[in-house]
Amino acid sequence: MATALLEELKEKEISLENVRISYSPFSRTSHTAKVVASVLDIPFEGSQCKVIPDIRERFFGPSFELKSHDKYPEIWAMDEKDPFMQPEGGESVDDVVTRLTKALAIMESEFQDNSLKSLSIGAQFFLIVSHGDPLQILQTILSAAKEQATSPANDLMSRIQAIRVPSVLSQHRKFALNTGELRQLV
């Protein structure tokens, strides 16, 4: 994955100083982010890499947490029926959207400040190292928000608020991911 990313950055002529890596605090994502940073020769402890707690894995609740993956279809069926419904003590799709919206605002502000300080010029490239459900939900909201780009609400956060409806949020399984998959969001 990291080597493929490096090739993609070269093809798109994106300078490594314009790459930002955001990752979940969970060990498997921290490890992946560290490997990617190493391959890209980006200091993991530097300003280009940030742990963002709000992109952590979705909490499915005590009835599902740390159980077999065979339980996921039950949760996804609930999500499709009502993305605002929380599985027993867990997070609904909409709860995850709330976290992800905060995370996007944090990433934008922190990395923008660092970009301005270092006077980097050119396209920014954000790599988000997270988990299946949050990444699928993120792709769902960003895709829907992108379709709203011509709406009166021009800023991303307003567009995300506008698409927080069951018909959009219930569709996150359309963006199913494979483990370690590198995918462009926007």
N, C-alpha and C. Protein backbone atom coordinates (compact mmCIF):
# COMPACT_ATOMS: atom_id res chain seq x y z
N MET A 1 0.82 -1.19 0.00
CA MET A 1 0.00 0.00 0.00
C MET A 1 0.87 1.26 0.00
N ALA A 2 1.86 1.32 0.87
CA ALA A 2 2.69 2.52 1.00
C ALA A 2 3.47 2.79 -0.29
N THR A 3 3.97 1.72 -0.91
CA THR A 3 4.72 1.89 -2.16
C THR A 3 3.79 2.39 -3.26
N ALA A 4 2.58 1.85 -3.32
CA ALA A 4 1.60 2.31 -4.31
C ALA A 4 1.26 3.78 -4.09
N LEU A 5 1.15 4.18 -2.83
CA LEU A 5 0.88 5.58 -2.51
C LEU A 5 2.02 6.48 -2.98
N LEU A 6 3.24 6.06 -2.74
CA LEU A 6 4.41 6.84 -3.16
C LEU A 6 4.39 7.03 -4.68
N GLU A 7 4.08 5.96 -5.41
CA GLU A 7 4.00 6.06 -6.88
C GLU A 7 2.89 7.03 -7.30
N GLU A 8 1.75 6.94 -6.64
CA GLU A 8 0.63 7.83 -6.97
C GLU A 8 0.99 9.29 -6.72
N LEU A 9 1.67 9.56 -5.63
CA LEU A 9 2.09 10.93 -5.33
C LEU A 9 3.05 11.45 -6.39
N LYS A 10 3.97 10.60 -6.83
CA LYS A 10 4.91 11.00 -7.88
C LYS A 10 4.17 11.29 -9.18
N GLU A 11 3.23 10.40 -9.54
CA GLU A 11 2.45 10.60 -10.78
C GLU A 11 1.68 11.91 -10.76
N LYS A 12 1.12 12.25 -9.60
CA LYS A 12 0.31 13.46 -9.48
C LYS A 12 1.15 14.69 -9.13
N GLU A 13 2.47 14.49 -9.06
CA GLU A 13 3.41 15.56 -8.76
C GLU A 13 3.06 16.29 -7.46
N ILE A 14 2.73 15.50 -6.44
CA ILE A 14 2.44 16.05 -5.11
C ILE A 14 3.69 15.93 -4.27
N SER A 15 4.17 17.06 -3.81
CA SER A 15 5.36 17.10 -2.98
C SER A 15 5.10 16.42 -1.64
N LEU A 16 6.08 15.68 -1.16
CA LEU A 16 5.93 14.99 0.13
C LEU A 16 5.72 15.96 1.29
N GLU A 17 6.19 17.18 1.16
CA GLU A 17 5.96 18.15 2.23
C GLU A 17 4.50 18.57 2.30
N ASN A 18 3.72 18.25 1.27
CA ASN A 18 2.29 18.57 1.26
C ASN A 18 1.42 17.38 1.64
N VAL A 19 2.03 16.30 2.10
CA VAL A 19 1.29 15.12 2.53
C VAL A 19 1.02 15.22 4.03
N ARG A 20 -0.21 14.93 4.40
CA ARG A 20 -0.62 14.90 5.80
C ARG A 20 -1.22 13.54 6.10
N ILE A 21 -0.81 12.94 7.20
CA ILE A 21 -1.31 11.62 7.60
C ILE A 21 -2.06 11.77 8.92
N SER A 22 -3.34 11.41 8.90
CA SER A 22 -4.16 11.40 10.11
C SER A 22 -4.48 9.95 10.41
N TYR A 23 -4.40 9.57 11.67
CA TYR A 23 -4.64 8.17 12.00
C TYR A 23 -5.37 8.02 13.33
N SER A 24 -6.07 6.92 13.43
CA SER A 24 -6.80 6.55 14.65
C SER A 24 -5.80 6.20 15.75
N PRO A 25 -6.18 6.38 17.01
CA PRO A 25 -5.26 6.05 18.10
C PRO A 25 -5.10 4.55 18.34
N PHE A 26 -5.85 3.70 17.65
CA PHE A 26 -5.74 2.27 17.87
C PHE A 26 -4.41 1.76 17.33
N SER A 27 -3.86 0.74 17.95
CA SER A 27 -2.50 0.29 17.62
C SER A 27 -2.34 -0.14 16.17
N ARG A 28 -3.32 -0.83 15.60
CA ARG A 28 -3.15 -1.30 14.22
C ARG A 28 -3.10 -0.15 13.22
N THR A 29 -3.84 0.92 13.48
CA THR A 29 -3.79 2.06 12.56
C THR A 29 -2.55 2.92 12.81
N SER A 30 -2.16 3.03 14.07
CA SER A 30 -0.91 3.75 14.37
C SER A 30 0.27 3.07 13.70
N HIS A 31 0.28 1.74 13.76
CA HIS A 31 1.36 0.98 13.13
C HIS A 31 1.37 1.20 11.61
N THR A 32 0.19 1.12 11.00
CA THR A 32 0.09 1.34 9.55
C THR A 32 0.56 2.74 9.18
N ALA A 33 0.12 3.74 9.92
CA ALA A 33 0.52 5.13 9.64
C ALA A 33 2.03 5.29 9.77
N LYS A 34 2.61 4.63 10.76
CA LYS A 34 4.05 4.71 10.97
C LYS A 34 4.81 4.08 9.80
N VAL A 35 4.33 2.95 9.30
CA VAL A 35 4.96 2.29 8.16
C VAL A 35 4.87 3.18 6.92
N VAL A 36 3.69 3.73 6.67
CA VAL A 36 3.50 4.60 5.51
C VAL A 36 4.41 5.83 5.61
N ALA A 37 4.45 6.45 6.77
CA ALA A 37 5.32 7.62 6.97
C ALA A 37 6.77 7.26 6.70
N SER A 38 7.19 6.09 7.15
CA SER A 38 8.56 5.65 6.94
C SER A 38 8.87 5.47 5.45
N VAL A 39 7.96 4.82 4.73
CA VAL A 39 8.17 4.62 3.29
C VAL A 39 8.21 5.96 2.56
N LEU A 40 7.39 6.90 3.00
CA LEU A 40 7.36 8.23 2.36
C LEU A 40 8.47 9.14 2.88
N ASP A 41 9.22 8.67 3.86
CA ASP A 41 10.29 9.45 4.49
C ASP A 41 9.74 10.73 5.13
N ILE A 42 8.61 10.56 5.82
CA ILE A 42 7.98 11.65 6.56
C ILE A 42 8.18 11.33 8.04
N PRO A 43 8.68 12.28 8.83
CA PRO A 43 8.87 12.01 10.26
C PRO A 43 7.53 11.74 10.95
N PHE A 44 7.38 10.54 11.50
CA PHE A 44 6.12 10.15 12.15
C PHE A 44 5.80 11.04 13.34
N GLU A 45 6.80 11.49 14.04
CA GLU A 45 6.59 12.34 15.22
C GLU A 45 6.49 13.82 14.84
N GLY A 46 6.57 14.13 13.55
CA GLY A 46 6.53 15.52 13.11
C GLY A 46 5.13 16.04 12.88
N SER A 47 5.05 17.25 12.39
CA SER A 47 3.77 17.94 12.23
C SER A 47 2.92 17.41 11.08
N GLN A 48 3.49 16.58 10.22
CA GLN A 48 2.72 16.05 9.10
C GLN A 48 1.88 14.83 9.49
N CYS A 49 2.12 14.27 10.64
CA CYS A 49 1.39 13.09 11.12
C CYS A 49 0.68 13.43 12.42
N LYS A 50 -0.60 13.13 12.48
CA LYS A 50 -1.38 13.46 13.68
C LYS A 50 -2.33 12.33 14.02
N VAL A 51 -2.37 11.99 15.30
CA VAL A 51 -3.40 11.08 15.78
C VAL A 51 -4.67 11.90 15.96
N ILE A 52 -5.76 11.39 15.43
CA ILE A 52 -7.06 12.07 15.52
C ILE A 52 -8.03 11.09 16.19
N PRO A 53 -8.29 11.26 17.48
CA PRO A 53 -9.14 10.31 18.21
C PRO A 53 -10.52 10.08 17.59
N ASP A 54 -11.08 11.08 16.95
CA ASP A 54 -12.44 10.94 16.40
C ASP A 54 -12.53 10.08 15.14
N ILE A 55 -11.41 9.58 14.63
CA ILE A 55 -11.50 8.65 13.50
C ILE A 55 -11.29 7.20 13.96
N ARG A 56 -11.43 6.98 15.27
CA ARG A 56 -11.31 5.63 15.83
C ARG A 56 -12.44 4.74 15.29
N GLU A 57 -12.32 3.45 15.57
CA GLU A 57 -13.33 2.48 15.15
C GLU A 57 -14.68 2.81 15.78
N ARG A 58 -15.71 2.44 15.10
CA ARG A 58 -17.07 2.60 15.62
C ARG A 58 -17.27 1.65 16.80
N PHE A 59 -17.91 2.15 17.85
CA PHE A 59 -18.24 1.30 19.00
C PHE A 59 -19.61 0.69 18.74
N PHE A 60 -19.63 -0.63 18.61
CA PHE A 60 -20.86 -1.33 18.25
C PHE A 60 -21.73 -1.68 19.45
N GLY A 61 -21.23 -1.42 20.66
CA GLY A 61 -22.00 -1.73 21.87
C GLY A 61 -21.60 -3.08 22.45
N PRO A 62 -21.92 -3.30 23.72
CA PRO A 62 -21.47 -4.52 24.41
C PRO A 62 -21.99 -5.81 23.79
N SER A 63 -23.13 -5.77 23.12
CA SER A 63 -23.67 -6.99 22.52
C SER A 63 -22.88 -7.42 21.29
N PHE A 64 -22.16 -6.50 20.67
CA PHE A 64 -21.45 -6.80 19.42
C PHE A 64 -19.94 -6.62 19.52
N GLU A 65 -19.50 -5.78 20.45
CA GLU A 65 -18.08 -5.43 20.53
C GLU A 65 -17.22 -6.66 20.82
N LEU A 66 -16.13 -6.76 20.08
CA LEU A 66 -15.14 -7.84 20.23
C LEU A 66 -15.75 -9.22 20.01
N LYS A 67 -16.81 -9.28 19.24
CA LYS A 67 -17.43 -10.56 18.88
C LYS A 67 -17.00 -10.91 17.46
N SER A 68 -17.45 -12.04 17.00
CA SER A 68 -17.13 -12.51 15.66
C SER A 68 -17.61 -11.51 14.60
N HIS A 69 -16.89 -11.46 13.52
CA HIS A 69 -17.30 -10.60 12.39
C HIS A 69 -18.62 -11.08 11.80
N ASP A 70 -19.04 -12.28 12.16
CA ASP A 70 -20.32 -12.79 11.69
C ASP A 70 -21.49 -11.94 12.18
N LYS A 71 -21.26 -11.13 13.20
CA LYS A 71 -22.30 -10.26 13.77
C LYS A 71 -22.49 -8.97 12.95
N TYR A 72 -21.50 -8.61 12.14
CA TYR A 72 -21.59 -7.36 11.39
C TYR A 72 -22.85 -7.24 10.54
N PRO A 73 -23.26 -8.30 9.83
CA PRO A 73 -24.48 -8.16 9.02
C PRO A 73 -25.70 -7.71 9.83
N GLU A 74 -25.77 -8.10 11.11
CA GLU A 74 -26.89 -7.65 11.95
C GLU A 74 -26.84 -6.13 12.14
N ILE A 75 -25.66 -5.62 12.39
CA ILE A 75 -25.50 -4.17 12.58
C ILE A 75 -25.80 -3.44 11.29
N TRP A 76 -25.26 -3.95 10.18
CA TRP A 76 -25.47 -3.27 8.90
C TRP A 76 -26.94 -3.29 8.49
N ALA A 77 -27.66 -4.35 8.85
CA ALA A 77 -29.10 -4.39 8.58
C ALA A 77 -29.81 -3.30 9.39
N MET A 78 -29.39 -3.13 10.65
CA MET A 78 -29.96 -2.05 11.48
C MET A 78 -29.62 -0.69 10.88
N ASP A 79 -28.37 -0.53 10.42
CA ASP A 79 -27.94 0.74 9.82
C ASP A 79 -28.79 1.08 8.60
N GLU A 80 -29.06 0.07 7.78
CA GLU A 80 -29.82 0.31 6.56
C GLU A 80 -31.27 0.68 6.88
N LYS A 81 -31.80 0.07 7.92
CA LYS A 81 -33.18 0.35 8.34
C LYS A 81 -33.30 1.73 8.97
N ASP A 82 -32.35 2.06 9.87
CA ASP A 82 -32.39 3.35 10.56
C ASP A 82 -30.99 3.74 11.01
N PRO A 83 -30.30 4.59 10.24
CA PRO A 83 -28.92 4.97 10.58
C PRO A 83 -28.81 5.86 11.82
N PHE A 84 -29.95 6.22 12.40
CA PHE A 84 -29.94 7.03 13.62
C PHE A 84 -30.13 6.15 14.86
N MET A 85 -30.38 4.86 14.65
CA MET A 85 -30.61 3.94 15.76
C MET A 85 -29.28 3.39 16.28
N GLN A 86 -29.11 3.45 17.59
CA GLN A 86 -27.89 2.95 18.21
C GLN A 86 -28.06 1.48 18.58
N PRO A 87 -27.09 0.64 18.18
CA PRO A 87 -27.15 -0.73 18.69
C PRO A 87 -26.90 -0.67 20.19
N GLU A 88 -27.56 -1.47 20.97
CA GLU A 88 -27.48 -1.47 22.44
C GLU A 88 -26.20 -0.84 23.00
N GLY A 89 -26.27 0.42 23.37
CA GLY A 89 -25.13 1.09 23.99
C GLY A 89 -24.01 1.45 23.03
N GLY A 90 -24.21 1.24 21.75
CA GLY A 90 -23.18 1.54 20.76
C GLY A 90 -23.48 2.82 20.00
N GLU A 91 -22.71 3.04 18.95
CA GLU A 91 -22.85 4.25 18.14
C GLU A 91 -23.68 3.98 16.89
N SER A 92 -24.58 4.88 16.59
CA SER A 92 -25.31 4.83 15.33
C SER A 92 -24.41 5.37 14.23
N VAL A 93 -24.84 5.21 12.99
CA VAL A 93 -24.10 5.80 11.87
C VAL A 93 -24.03 7.31 12.07
N ASP A 94 -25.14 7.91 12.48
CA ASP A 94 -25.15 9.36 12.68
C ASP A 94 -24.20 9.80 13.79
N ASP A 95 -24.07 8.98 14.84
CA ASP A 95 -23.10 9.29 15.90
C ASP A 95 -21.68 9.34 15.32
N VAL A 96 -21.38 8.40 14.43
CA VAL A 96 -20.06 8.36 13.81
C VAL A 96 -19.88 9.57 12.91
N VAL A 97 -20.93 9.98 12.20
CA VAL A 97 -20.86 11.18 11.36
C VAL A 97 -20.50 12.40 12.22
N THR A 98 -21.08 12.49 13.40
CA THR A 98 -20.76 13.61 14.30
C THR A 98 -19.27 13.63 14.61
N ARG A 99 -18.72 12.46 14.95
CA ARG A 99 -17.28 12.37 15.25
C ARG A 99 -16.44 12.72 14.03
N LEU A 100 -16.83 12.17 12.88
CA LEU A 100 -16.04 12.39 11.67
C LEU A 100 -16.07 13.85 11.24
N THR A 101 -17.19 14.51 11.43
CA THR A 101 -17.29 15.93 11.09
C THR A 101 -16.34 16.74 11.96
N LYS A 102 -16.29 16.41 13.25
CA LYS A 102 -15.32 17.08 14.14
C LYS A 102 -13.90 16.79 13.68
N ALA A 103 -13.64 15.55 13.32
CA ALA A 103 -12.29 15.17 12.88
C ALA A 103 -11.89 15.94 11.63
N LEU A 104 -12.80 16.07 10.68
CA LEU A 104 -12.49 16.82 9.46
C LEU A 104 -12.14 18.27 9.78
N ALA A 105 -12.90 18.87 10.67
CA ALA A 105 -12.62 20.26 11.06
C ALA A 105 -11.26 20.37 11.73
N ILE A 106 -10.93 19.42 12.59
CA ILE A 106 -9.63 19.42 13.27
C ILE A 106 -8.50 19.26 12.26
N MET A 107 -8.65 18.29 11.35
CA MET A 107 -7.60 18.05 10.35
C MET A 107 -7.39 19.28 9.49
N GLU A 108 -8.48 19.86 9.06
CA GLU A 108 -8.39 21.04 8.20
C GLU A 108 -7.68 22.18 8.92
N SER A 109 -8.07 22.46 10.14
CA SER A 109 -7.48 23.61 10.85
C SER A 109 -6.04 23.35 11.27
N GLU A 110 -5.76 22.19 11.83
CA GLU A 110 -4.39 21.91 12.28
C GLU A 110 -3.41 21.83 11.12
N PHE A 111 -3.80 21.12 10.09
CA PHE A 111 -2.88 20.96 8.97
C PHE A 111 -2.77 22.23 8.15
N GLN A 112 -3.84 22.99 8.07
CA GLN A 112 -3.77 24.26 7.35
C GLN A 112 -2.82 25.21 8.07
N ASP A 113 -2.89 25.26 9.38
CA ASP A 113 -1.98 26.11 10.15
C ASP A 113 -0.54 25.70 9.91
N ASN A 114 -0.26 24.38 9.93
CA ASN A 114 1.10 23.91 9.70
C ASN A 114 1.56 24.19 8.28
N SER A 115 0.64 24.07 7.31
CA SER A 115 1.00 24.35 5.92
C SER A 115 1.39 25.81 5.76
N LEU A 116 0.62 26.68 6.39
CA LEU A 116 0.92 28.10 6.27
C LEU A 116 2.24 28.44 6.93
N LYS A 117 2.52 27.80 8.06
CA LYS A 117 3.77 28.08 8.76
C LYS A 117 4.98 27.63 7.95
N SER A 118 4.83 26.49 7.25
CA SER A 118 5.97 25.98 6.50
C SER A 118 6.01 26.56 5.08
N LEU A 119 4.99 27.35 4.74
CA LEU A 119 4.90 27.97 3.42
C LEU A 119 4.93 26.96 2.28
N SER A 120 4.37 25.76 2.52
CA SER A 120 4.34 24.77 1.44
C SER A 120 3.36 25.25 0.38
N ILE A 121 3.72 24.98 -0.85
CA ILE A 121 2.91 25.42 -1.98
C ILE A 121 2.51 24.19 -2.77
N GLY A 122 1.30 24.18 -3.29
CA GLY A 122 0.84 23.07 -4.11
C GLY A 122 -0.32 22.34 -3.46
N ALA A 123 -0.72 21.27 -4.13
CA ALA A 123 -1.87 20.49 -3.68
C ALA A 123 -1.57 19.78 -2.36
N GLN A 124 -2.54 19.81 -1.47
CA GLN A 124 -2.44 19.07 -0.22
C GLN A 124 -2.95 17.65 -0.46
N PHE A 125 -2.36 16.70 0.22
CA PHE A 125 -2.78 15.30 0.11
C PHE A 125 -2.97 14.78 1.52
N PHE A 126 -4.19 14.38 1.83
CA PHE A 126 -4.51 13.86 3.16
C PHE A 126 -4.69 12.35 3.08
N LEU A 127 -3.97 11.64 3.92
CA LEU A 127 -4.14 10.20 4.05
C LEU A 127 -4.77 9.95 5.41
N ILE A 128 -5.92 9.29 5.41
CA ILE A 128 -6.62 8.99 6.66
C ILE A 128 -6.51 7.49 6.90
N VAL A 129 -5.86 7.12 7.99
CA VAL A 129 -5.68 5.72 8.34
C VAL A 129 -6.65 5.43 9.48
N SER A 130 -7.70 4.70 9.15
CA SER A 130 -8.75 4.45 10.13
C SER A 130 -9.25 3.02 9.99
N HIS A 131 -10.54 2.82 10.21
CA HIS A 131 -11.15 1.49 10.26
C HIS A 131 -12.31 1.43 9.27
N GLY A 132 -12.73 0.20 8.95
CA GLY A 132 -13.74 -0.02 7.92
C GLY A 132 -14.99 0.82 8.03
N ASP A 133 -15.72 0.69 9.14
CA ASP A 133 -16.99 1.41 9.24
C ASP A 133 -16.81 2.93 9.19
N PRO A 134 -15.91 3.51 9.98
CA PRO A 134 -15.74 4.97 9.88
C PRO A 134 -15.32 5.43 8.48
N LEU A 135 -14.45 4.67 7.82
CA LEU A 135 -14.02 5.08 6.48
C LEU A 135 -15.16 4.97 5.46
N GLN A 136 -15.98 3.93 5.59
CA GLN A 136 -17.13 3.80 4.69
C GLN A 136 -18.14 4.93 4.92
N ILE A 137 -18.35 5.25 6.18
CA ILE A 137 -19.27 6.34 6.52
C ILE A 137 -18.69 7.67 6.03
N LEU A 138 -17.38 7.86 6.19
CA LEU A 138 -16.73 9.07 5.71
C LEU A 138 -16.88 9.20 4.20
N GLN A 139 -16.66 8.11 3.47
CA GLN A 139 -16.81 8.18 2.02
C GLN A 139 -18.25 8.47 1.63
N THR A 140 -19.20 7.92 2.37
CA THR A 140 -20.62 8.18 2.10
C THR A 140 -20.93 9.67 2.23
N ILE A 141 -20.50 10.26 3.35
CA ILE A 141 -20.86 11.67 3.56
C ILE A 141 -20.09 12.60 2.62
N LEU A 142 -18.83 12.28 2.34
CA LEU A 142 -18.07 13.14 1.42
C LEU A 142 -18.59 13.03 -0.01
N SER A 143 -18.98 11.84 -0.43
CA SER A 143 -19.55 11.67 -1.78
C SER A 143 -20.86 12.43 -1.90
N ALA A 144 -21.72 12.30 -0.90
CA ALA A 144 -23.00 13.01 -0.92
C ALA A 144 -22.79 14.52 -0.84
N ALA A 145 -21.85 14.96 -0.01
CA ALA A 145 -21.56 16.39 0.11
C ALA A 145 -21.00 16.95 -1.20
N LYS A 146 -20.20 16.14 -1.88
CA LYS A 146 -19.63 16.57 -3.16
C LYS A 146 -20.75 16.80 -4.18
N GLU A 147 -21.77 15.94 -4.15
CA GLU A 147 -22.91 16.11 -5.05
C GLU A 147 -23.68 17.38 -4.74
N GLN A 148 -23.57 17.86 -3.50
CA GLN A 148 -24.24 19.08 -3.06
C GLN A 148 -23.39 20.33 -3.32
N ALA A 149 -22.30 20.19 -4.03
CA ALA A 149 -21.34 21.29 -4.21
C ALA A 149 -21.97 22.53 -4.83
N THR A 150 -23.04 22.36 -5.57
CA THR A 150 -23.68 23.52 -6.20
C THR A 150 -24.80 24.10 -5.34
N SER A 151 -24.98 23.55 -4.15
CA SER A 151 -26.04 24.05 -3.27
C SER A 151 -25.64 25.42 -2.70
N PRO A 152 -26.61 26.15 -2.14
CA PRO A 152 -26.30 27.47 -1.56
C PRO A 152 -25.26 27.39 -0.43
N ALA A 153 -25.25 26.27 0.28
CA ALA A 153 -24.26 26.10 1.36
C ALA A 153 -22.95 25.64 0.73
N ASN A 154 -21.99 26.54 0.66
CA ASN A 154 -20.74 26.21 -0.02
C ASN A 154 -19.72 25.51 0.84
N ASP A 155 -19.76 25.71 2.16
CA ASP A 155 -18.72 25.09 2.97
C ASP A 155 -19.08 23.62 3.23
N LEU A 156 -18.05 22.81 3.38
CA LEU A 156 -18.21 21.37 3.53
C LEU A 156 -19.08 21.00 4.72
N MET A 157 -18.88 21.63 5.85
CA MET A 157 -19.63 21.26 7.05
C MET A 157 -21.13 21.50 6.87
N SER A 158 -21.50 22.56 6.19
CA SER A 158 -22.92 22.83 5.93
C SER A 158 -23.50 21.78 4.98
N ARG A 159 -22.71 21.39 3.99
CA ARG A 159 -23.19 20.36 3.06
C ARG A 159 -23.35 19.02 3.76
N ILE A 160 -22.42 18.70 4.69
CA ILE A 160 -22.55 17.45 5.45
C ILE A 160 -23.82 17.48 6.29
N GLN A 161 -24.09 18.61 6.92
CA GLN A 161 -25.32 18.73 7.71
C GLN A 161 -26.55 18.49 6.83
N ALA A 162 -26.52 18.99 5.61
CA ALA A 162 -27.66 18.87 4.71
C ALA A 162 -27.93 17.43 4.26
N ILE A 163 -26.90 16.60 4.26
CA ILE A 163 -27.08 15.22 3.78
C ILE A 163 -27.24 14.22 4.92
N ARG A 164 -27.37 14.69 6.13
CA ARG A 164 -27.55 13.79 7.29
C ARG A 164 -28.99 13.32 7.36
N VAL A 165 -29.35 12.54 6.38
CA VAL A 165 -30.71 11.99 6.27
C VAL A 165 -30.61 10.48 6.09
N PRO A 166 -31.65 9.75 6.49
CA PRO A 166 -31.59 8.28 6.39
C PRO A 166 -31.25 7.75 5.00
N SER A 167 -31.80 8.38 3.96
CA SER A 167 -31.57 7.87 2.61
C SER A 167 -30.10 7.93 2.20
N VAL A 168 -29.33 8.81 2.80
CA VAL A 168 -27.89 8.89 2.52
C VAL A 168 -27.10 8.04 3.50
N LEU A 169 -27.31 8.24 4.79
CA LEU A 169 -26.49 7.57 5.80
C LEU A 169 -26.66 6.06 5.80
N SER A 170 -27.81 5.58 5.36
CA SER A 170 -28.05 4.13 5.36
C SER A 170 -27.30 3.41 4.25
N GLN A 171 -26.62 4.15 3.40
CA GLN A 171 -25.97 3.56 2.23
C GLN A 171 -24.48 3.30 2.39
N HIS A 172 -23.94 3.43 3.60
CA HIS A 172 -22.48 3.34 3.76
C HIS A 172 -21.89 2.00 3.36
N ARG A 173 -22.67 0.93 3.34
CA ARG A 173 -22.13 -0.37 2.94
C ARG A 173 -21.83 -0.43 1.44
N LYS A 174 -22.33 0.52 0.67
CA LYS A 174 -21.98 0.58 -0.76
C LYS A 174 -20.50 0.84 -0.95
N PHE A 175 -19.86 1.36 0.09
CA PHE A 175 -18.45 1.71 0.00
C PHE A 175 -17.58 0.74 0.81
N ALA A 176 -17.97 -0.53 0.83
CA ALA A 176 -17.23 -1.54 1.60
C ALA A 176 -15.76 -1.55 1.19
N LEU A 177 -14.90 -1.73 2.17
CA LEU A 177 -13.44 -1.70 1.96
C LEU A 177 -12.83 -3.06 2.24
N ASN A 178 -11.71 -3.31 1.61
CA ASN A 178 -10.88 -4.46 1.95
C ASN A 178 -9.83 -3.99 2.95
N THR A 179 -9.34 -4.89 3.77
CA THR A 179 -8.30 -4.55 4.73
C THR A 179 -7.09 -3.98 4.00
N GLY A 180 -6.61 -2.84 4.47
CA GLY A 180 -5.42 -2.23 3.89
C GLY A 180 -5.64 -1.57 2.54
N GLU A 181 -6.88 -1.43 2.13
CA GLU A 181 -7.17 -0.84 0.82
C GLU A 181 -6.88 0.66 0.82
N LEU A 182 -6.24 1.12 -0.23
CA LEU A 182 -5.98 2.54 -0.44
C LEU A 182 -7.02 3.04 -1.42
N ARG A 183 -7.79 4.05 -1.02
CA ARG A 183 -8.87 4.52 -1.87
C ARG A 183 -8.95 6.04 -1.81
N GLN A 184 -9.10 6.64 -2.97
CA GLN A 184 -9.27 8.09 -3.03
C GLN A 184 -10.71 8.43 -2.67
N LEU A 185 -10.89 9.40 -1.78
CA LEU A 185 -12.23 9.80 -1.37
C LEU A 185 -12.79 10.91 -2.24
N VAL A 186 -12.04 11.97 -2.40
CA VAL A 186 -12.50 13.09 -3.22
C VAL A 186 -11.36 13.58 -4.07
